[in-house]
Amino acid sequence: MASSTDSSAAVDDKVRRLYERYQSAESDEERHEIALEMGKLDGRRHTEIYAALENE
């Protein structure tokens, strides 16, 4: 279970860094690319959550 928590914290850190990049982006295109990256990370997190729930 600790590894699930660790991986969630790592994803949170990545999303936080991406959000900071999003805030400082200079173009809509750059913001769009960053938003897509954030969506991919969030999708992986949801997959991990559902897998953990199935194992409980």
PDB file of N, CA and C in Angstrom:
ATOM      1  N   MET A   1       0.824  -1.201   0.000  1.00  0.00           N
ATOM      2  CA  MET A   1       0.000   0.000   0.000  1.00  0.00           C
ATOM      3  C   MET A   1       0.861   1.254   0.000  1.00  0.00           C
ATOM      4  N   ALA A   2       2.023   1.192   0.620  1.00  0.00           N
ATOM      5  CA  ALA A   2       2.892   2.363   0.662  1.00  0.00           C
ATOM      6  C   ALA A   2       3.328   2.776  -0.735  1.00  0.00           C
ATOM      7  N   SER A   3       3.555   1.791  -1.621  1.00  0.00           N
ATOM      8  CA  SER A   3       3.989   2.133  -2.969  1.00  0.00           C
ATOM      9  C   SER A   3       2.899   2.892  -3.710  1.00  0.00           C
ATOM     10  N   SER A   4       1.639   2.556  -3.463  1.00  0.00           N
ATOM     11  CA  SER A   4       0.532   3.292  -4.078  1.00  0.00           C
ATOM     12  C   SER A   4       0.516   4.734  -3.595  1.00  0.00           C
ATOM     13  N   THR A   5       0.738   4.920  -2.304  1.00  0.00           N
ATOM     14  CA  THR A   5       0.791   6.265  -1.736  1.00  0.00           C
ATOM     15  C   THR A   5       1.984   7.033  -2.285  1.00  0.00           C
ATOM     16  N   ASP A   6       3.128   6.353  -2.384  1.00  0.00           N
ATOM     17  CA  ASP A   6       4.332   6.983  -2.934  1.00  0.00           C
ATOM     18  C   ASP A   6       4.117   7.409  -4.372  1.00  0.00           C
ATOM     19  N   SER A   7       3.502   6.539  -5.180  1.00  0.00           N
ATOM     20  CA  SER A   7       3.290   6.877  -6.583  1.00  0.00           C
ATOM     21  C   SER A   7       2.276   8.008  -6.716  1.00  0.00           C
ATOM     22  N   SER A   8       1.288   8.059  -5.838  1.00  0.00           N
ATOM     23  CA  SER A   8       0.327   9.163  -5.866  1.00  0.00           C
ATOM     24  C   SER A   8       1.014  10.479  -5.526  1.00  0.00           C
ATOM     25  N   ALA A   9       1.925  10.446  -4.560  1.00  0.00           N
ATOM     26  CA  ALA A   9       2.659  11.658  -4.193  1.00  0.00           C
ATOM     27  C   ALA A   9       3.548  12.106  -5.347  1.00  0.00           C
ATOM     28  N   ALA A  10       4.156  11.147  -6.048  1.00  0.00           N
ATOM     29  CA  ALA A  10       5.001  11.485  -7.195  1.00  0.00           C
ATOM     30  C   ALA A  10       4.162  12.117  -8.301  1.00  0.00           C
ATOM     31  N   VAL A  11       2.978  11.584  -8.536  1.00  0.00           N
ATOM     32  CA  VAL A  11       2.084  12.154  -9.548  1.00  0.00           C
ATOM     33  C   VAL A  11       1.662  13.551  -9.131  1.00  0.00           C
ATOM     34  N   ASP A  12       1.335  13.736  -7.853  1.00  0.00           N
ATOM     35  CA  ASP A  12       0.964  15.061  -7.355  1.00  0.00           C
ATOM     36  C   ASP A  12       2.077  16.071  -7.600  1.00  0.00           C
ATOM     37  N   ASP A  13       3.325  15.660  -7.351  1.00  0.00           N
ATOM     38  CA  ASP A  13       4.470  16.551  -7.582  1.00  0.00           C
ATOM     39  C   ASP A  13       4.599  16.907  -9.057  1.00  0.00           C
ATOM     40  N   LYS A  14       4.427  15.912  -9.922  1.00  0.00           N
ATOM     41  CA  LYS A  14       4.519  16.167 -11.363  1.00  0.00           C
ATOM     42  C   LYS A  14       3.419  17.115 -11.821  1.00  0.00           C
ATOM     43  N   VAL A  15       2.201  16.878 -11.326  1.00  0.00           N
ATOM     44  CA  VAL A  15       1.078  17.750 -11.699  1.00  0.00           C
ATOM     45  C   VAL A  15       1.330  19.169 -11.195  1.00  0.00           C
ATOM     46  N   ARG A  16       1.856  19.300  -9.994  1.00  0.00           N
ATOM     47  CA  ARG A  16       2.155  20.619  -9.432  1.00  0.00           C
ATOM     48  C   ARG A  16       3.172  21.362 -10.311  1.00  0.00           C
ATOM     49  N   ARG A  17       4.217  20.647 -10.725  1.00  0.00           N
ATOM     50  CA  ARG A  17       5.225  21.273 -11.591  1.00  0.00           C
ATOM     51  C   ARG A  17       4.632  21.658 -12.942  1.00  0.00           C
ATOM     52  N   LEU A  18       3.791  20.774 -13.489  1.00  0.00           N
ATOM     53  CA  LEU A  18       3.144  21.092 -14.764  1.00  0.00           C
ATOM     54  C   LEU A  18       2.236  22.304 -14.612  1.00  0.00           C
ATOM     55  N   TYR A  19       1.524  22.399 -13.501  1.00  0.00           N
ATOM     56  CA  TYR A  19       0.637  23.541 -13.278  1.00  0.00           C
ATOM     57  C   TYR A  19       1.441  24.838 -13.195  1.00  0.00           C
ATOM     58  N   GLU A  20       2.597  24.773 -12.547  1.00  0.00           N
ATOM     59  CA  GLU A  20       3.454  25.959 -12.474  1.00  0.00           C
ATOM     60  C   GLU A  20       3.925  26.364 -13.870  1.00  0.00           C
ATOM     61  N   ARG A  21       4.275  25.364 -14.693  1.00  0.00           N
ATOM     62  CA  ARG A  21       4.647  25.658 -16.085  1.00  0.00           C
ATOM     63  C   ARG A  21       3.462  26.245 -16.841  1.00  0.00           C
ATOM     64  N   TYR A  22       2.272  25.710 -16.578  1.00  0.00           N
ATOM     65  CA  TYR A  22       1.055  26.195 -17.234  1.00  0.00           C
ATOM     66  C   TYR A  22       0.836  27.674 -16.909  1.00  0.00           C
ATOM     67  N   GLN A  23       1.021  28.016 -15.632  1.00  0.00           N
ATOM     68  CA  GLN A  23       0.818  29.394 -15.189  1.00  0.00           C
ATOM     69  C   GLN A  23       1.773  30.361 -15.888  1.00  0.00           C
ATOM     70  N   SER A  24       2.999  29.899 -16.170  1.00  0.00           N
ATOM     71  CA  SER A  24       3.990  30.783 -16.766  1.00  0.00           C
ATOM     72  C   SER A  24       4.090  30.641 -18.287  1.00  0.00           C
ATOM     73  N   ALA A  25       3.242  29.797 -18.868  1.00  0.00           N
ATOM     74  CA  ALA A  25       3.281  29.594 -20.327  1.00  0.00           C
ATOM     75  C   ALA A  25       2.990  30.901 -21.050  1.00  0.00           C
ATOM     76  N   GLU A  26       3.651  31.069 -22.178  1.00  0.00           N
ATOM     77  CA  GLU A  26       3.519  32.314 -22.921  1.00  0.00           C
ATOM     78  C   GLU A  26       2.538  32.232 -24.080  1.00  0.00           C
ATOM     79  N   SER A  27       2.095  31.014 -24.422  1.00  0.00           N
ATOM     80  CA  SER A  27       1.168  30.893 -25.551  1.00  0.00           C
ATOM     81  C   SER A  27       0.058  29.899 -25.224  1.00  0.00           C
ATOM     82  N   ASP A  28      -1.047  30.037 -25.934  1.00  0.00           N
ATOM     83  CA  ASP A  28      -2.153  29.092 -25.766  1.00  0.00           C
ATOM     84  C   ASP A  28      -1.728  27.687 -26.176  1.00  0.00           C
ATOM     85  N   GLU A  29      -0.894  27.594 -27.200  1.00  0.00           N
ATOM     86  CA  GLU A  29      -0.423  26.286 -27.655  1.00  0.00           C
ATOM     87  C   GLU A  29       0.376  25.588 -26.563  1.00  0.00           C
ATOM     88  N   GLU A  30       1.259  26.335 -25.908  1.00  0.00           N
ATOM     89  CA  GLU A  30       2.053  25.773 -24.813  1.00  0.00           C
ATOM     90  C   GLU A  30       1.149  25.342 -23.658  1.00  0.00           C
ATOM     91  N   ARG A  31       0.171  26.156 -23.317  1.00  0.00           N
ATOM     92  CA  ARG A  31      -0.777  25.799 -22.243  1.00  0.00           C
ATOM     93  C   ARG A  31      -1.562  24.543 -22.611  1.00  0.00           C
ATOM     94  N   HIS A  32      -1.940  24.431 -23.869  1.00  0.00           N
ATOM     95  CA  HIS A  32      -2.698  23.264 -24.331  1.00  0.00           C
ATOM     96  C   HIS A  32      -1.865  21.988 -24.172  1.00  0.00           C
ATOM     97  N   GLU A  33      -0.594  22.034 -24.591  1.00  0.00           N
ATOM     98  CA  GLU A  33       0.293  20.875 -24.465  1.00  0.00           C
ATOM     99  C   GLU A  33       0.469  20.471 -23.002  1.00  0.00           C
ATOM    100  N   ILE A  34       0.640  21.447 -22.135  1.00  0.00           N
ATOM    101  CA  ILE A  34       0.811  21.166 -20.707  1.00  0.00           C
ATOM    102  C   ILE A  34      -0.466  20.569 -20.128  1.00  0.00           C
ATOM    103  N   ALA A  35      -1.617  21.090 -20.536  1.00  0.00           N
ATOM    104  CA  ALA A  35      -2.896  20.559 -20.054  1.00  0.00           C
ATOM    105  C   ALA A  35      -3.065  19.105 -20.478  1.00  0.00           C
ATOM    106  N   LEU A  36      -2.625  18.763 -21.686  1.00  0.00           N
ATOM    107  CA  LEU A  36      -2.705  17.374 -22.132  1.00  0.00           C
ATOM    108  C   LEU A  36      -1.816  16.472 -21.275  1.00  0.00           C
ATOM    109  N   GLU A  37      -0.620  16.935 -20.940  1.00  0.00           N
ATOM    110  CA  GLU A  37       0.272  16.169 -20.060  1.00  0.00           C
ATOM    111  C   GLU A  37      -0.368  15.959 -18.696  1.00  0.00           C
ATOM    112  N   MET A  38      -0.986  17.009 -18.161  1.00  0.00           N
ATOM    113  CA  MET A  38      -1.644  16.910 -16.854  1.00  0.00           C
ATOM    114  C   MET A  38      -2.778  15.899 -16.915  1.00  0.00           C
ATOM    115  N   GLY A  39      -3.526  15.895 -17.999  1.00  0.00           N
ATOM    116  CA  GLY A  39      -4.623  14.949 -18.164  1.00  0.00           C
ATOM    117  C   GLY A  39      -4.140  13.508 -18.193  1.00  0.00           C
ATOM    118  N   LYS A  40      -3.024  13.272 -18.864  1.00  0.00           N
ATOM    119  CA  LYS A  40      -2.462  11.915 -18.903  1.00  0.00           C
ATOM    120  C   LYS A  40      -2.071  11.461 -17.503  1.00  0.00           C
ATOM    121  N   LEU A  41      -1.412  12.325 -16.755  1.00  0.00           N
ATOM    122  CA  LEU A  41      -1.013  11.972 -15.388  1.00  0.00           C
ATOM    123  C   LEU A  41      -2.232  11.705 -14.517  1.00  0.00           C
ATOM    124  N   ASP A  42      -3.258  12.541 -14.648  1.00  0.00           N
ATOM    125  CA  ASP A  42      -4.461  12.373 -13.847  1.00  0.00           C
ATOM    126  C   ASP A  42      -5.161  11.067 -14.205  1.00  0.00           C
ATOM    127  N   GLY A  43      -5.173  10.729 -15.473  1.00  0.00           N
ATOM    128  CA  GLY A  43      -5.775   9.471 -15.906  1.00  0.00           C
ATOM    129  C   GLY A  43      -5.078   8.276 -15.293  1.00  0.00           C
ATOM    130  N   ARG A  44      -3.738   8.327 -15.224  1.00  0.00           N
ATOM    131  CA  ARG A  44      -2.985   7.241 -14.590  1.00  0.00           C
ATOM    132  C   ARG A  44      -3.315   7.143 -13.115  1.00  0.00           C
ATOM    133  N   ARG A  45      -3.472   8.289 -12.473  1.00  0.00           N
ATOM    134  CA  ARG A  45      -3.792   8.282 -11.044  1.00  0.00           C
ATOM    135  C   ARG A  45      -5.147   7.617 -10.813  1.00  0.00           C
ATOM    136  N   HIS A  46      -6.125   7.931 -11.651  1.00  0.00           N
ATOM    137  CA  HIS A  46      -7.441   7.323 -11.500  1.00  0.00           C
ATOM    138  C   HIS A  46      -7.371   5.817 -11.724  1.00  0.00           C
ATOM    139  N   THR A  47      -6.544   5.379 -12.654  1.00  0.00           N
ATOM    140  CA  THR A  47      -6.368   3.953 -12.891  1.00  0.00           C
ATOM    141  C   THR A  47      -5.817   3.281 -11.643  1.00  0.00           C
ATOM    142  N   GLU A  48      -4.835   3.916 -10.996  1.00  0.00           N
ATOM    143  CA  GLU A  48      -4.252   3.358  -9.768  1.00  0.00           C
ATOM    144  C   GLU A  48      -5.280   3.310  -8.641  1.00  0.00           C
ATOM    145  N   ILE A  49      -6.098   4.341  -8.549  1.00  0.00           N
ATOM    146  CA  ILE A  49      -7.123   4.373  -7.497  1.00  0.00           C
ATOM    147  C   ILE A  49      -8.108   3.224  -7.677  1.00  0.00           C
ATOM    148  N   TYR A  50      -8.594   3.030  -8.917  1.00  0.00           N
ATOM    149  CA  TYR A  50      -9.547   1.948  -9.160  1.00  0.00           C
ATOM    150  C   TYR A  50      -8.926   0.580  -8.918  1.00  0.00           C
ATOM    151  N   ALA A  51      -7.666   0.403  -9.283  1.00  0.00           N
ATOM    152  CA  ALA A  51      -6.982  -0.864  -9.038  1.00  0.00           C
ATOM    153  C   ALA A  51      -6.868  -1.124  -7.544  1.00  0.00           C
ATOM    154  N   ALA A  52      -6.540  -0.092  -6.769  1.00  0.00           N
ATOM    155  CA  ALA A  52      -6.422  -0.237  -5.314  1.00  0.00           C
ATOM    156  C   ALA A  52      -7.782  -0.598  -4.700  1.00  0.00           C
ATOM    157  N   LEU A  53      -8.847   0.010  -5.200  1.00  0.00           N
ATOM    158  CA  LEU A  53     -10.174  -0.290  -4.676  1.00  0.00           C
ATOM    159  C   LEU A  53     -10.571  -1.732  -4.960  1.00  0.00           C
ATOM    160  N   GLU A  54     -10.199  -2.238  -6.127  1.00  0.00           N
ATOM    161  CA  GLU A  54     -10.516  -3.621  -6.467  1.00  0.00           C
ATOM    162  C   GLU A  54      -9.772  -4.603  -5.556  1.00  0.00           C
ATOM    163  N   ASN A  55      -8.605  -4.201  -5.068  1.00  0.00           N
ATOM    164  CA  ASN A  55      -7.813  -5.083  -4.232  1.00  0.00           C
ATOM    165  C   ASN A  55      -8.207  -5.040  -2.762  1.00  0.00           C
ATOM    166  N   GLU A  56      -9.094  -4.131  -2.385  1.00  0.00           N
ATOM    167  CA  GLU A  56      -9.488  -4.043  -0.972  1.00  0.00           C
ATOM    168  C   GLU A  56     -10.497  -5.087  -0.617  1.00  0.00           C
TER     169      GLU A  56
END
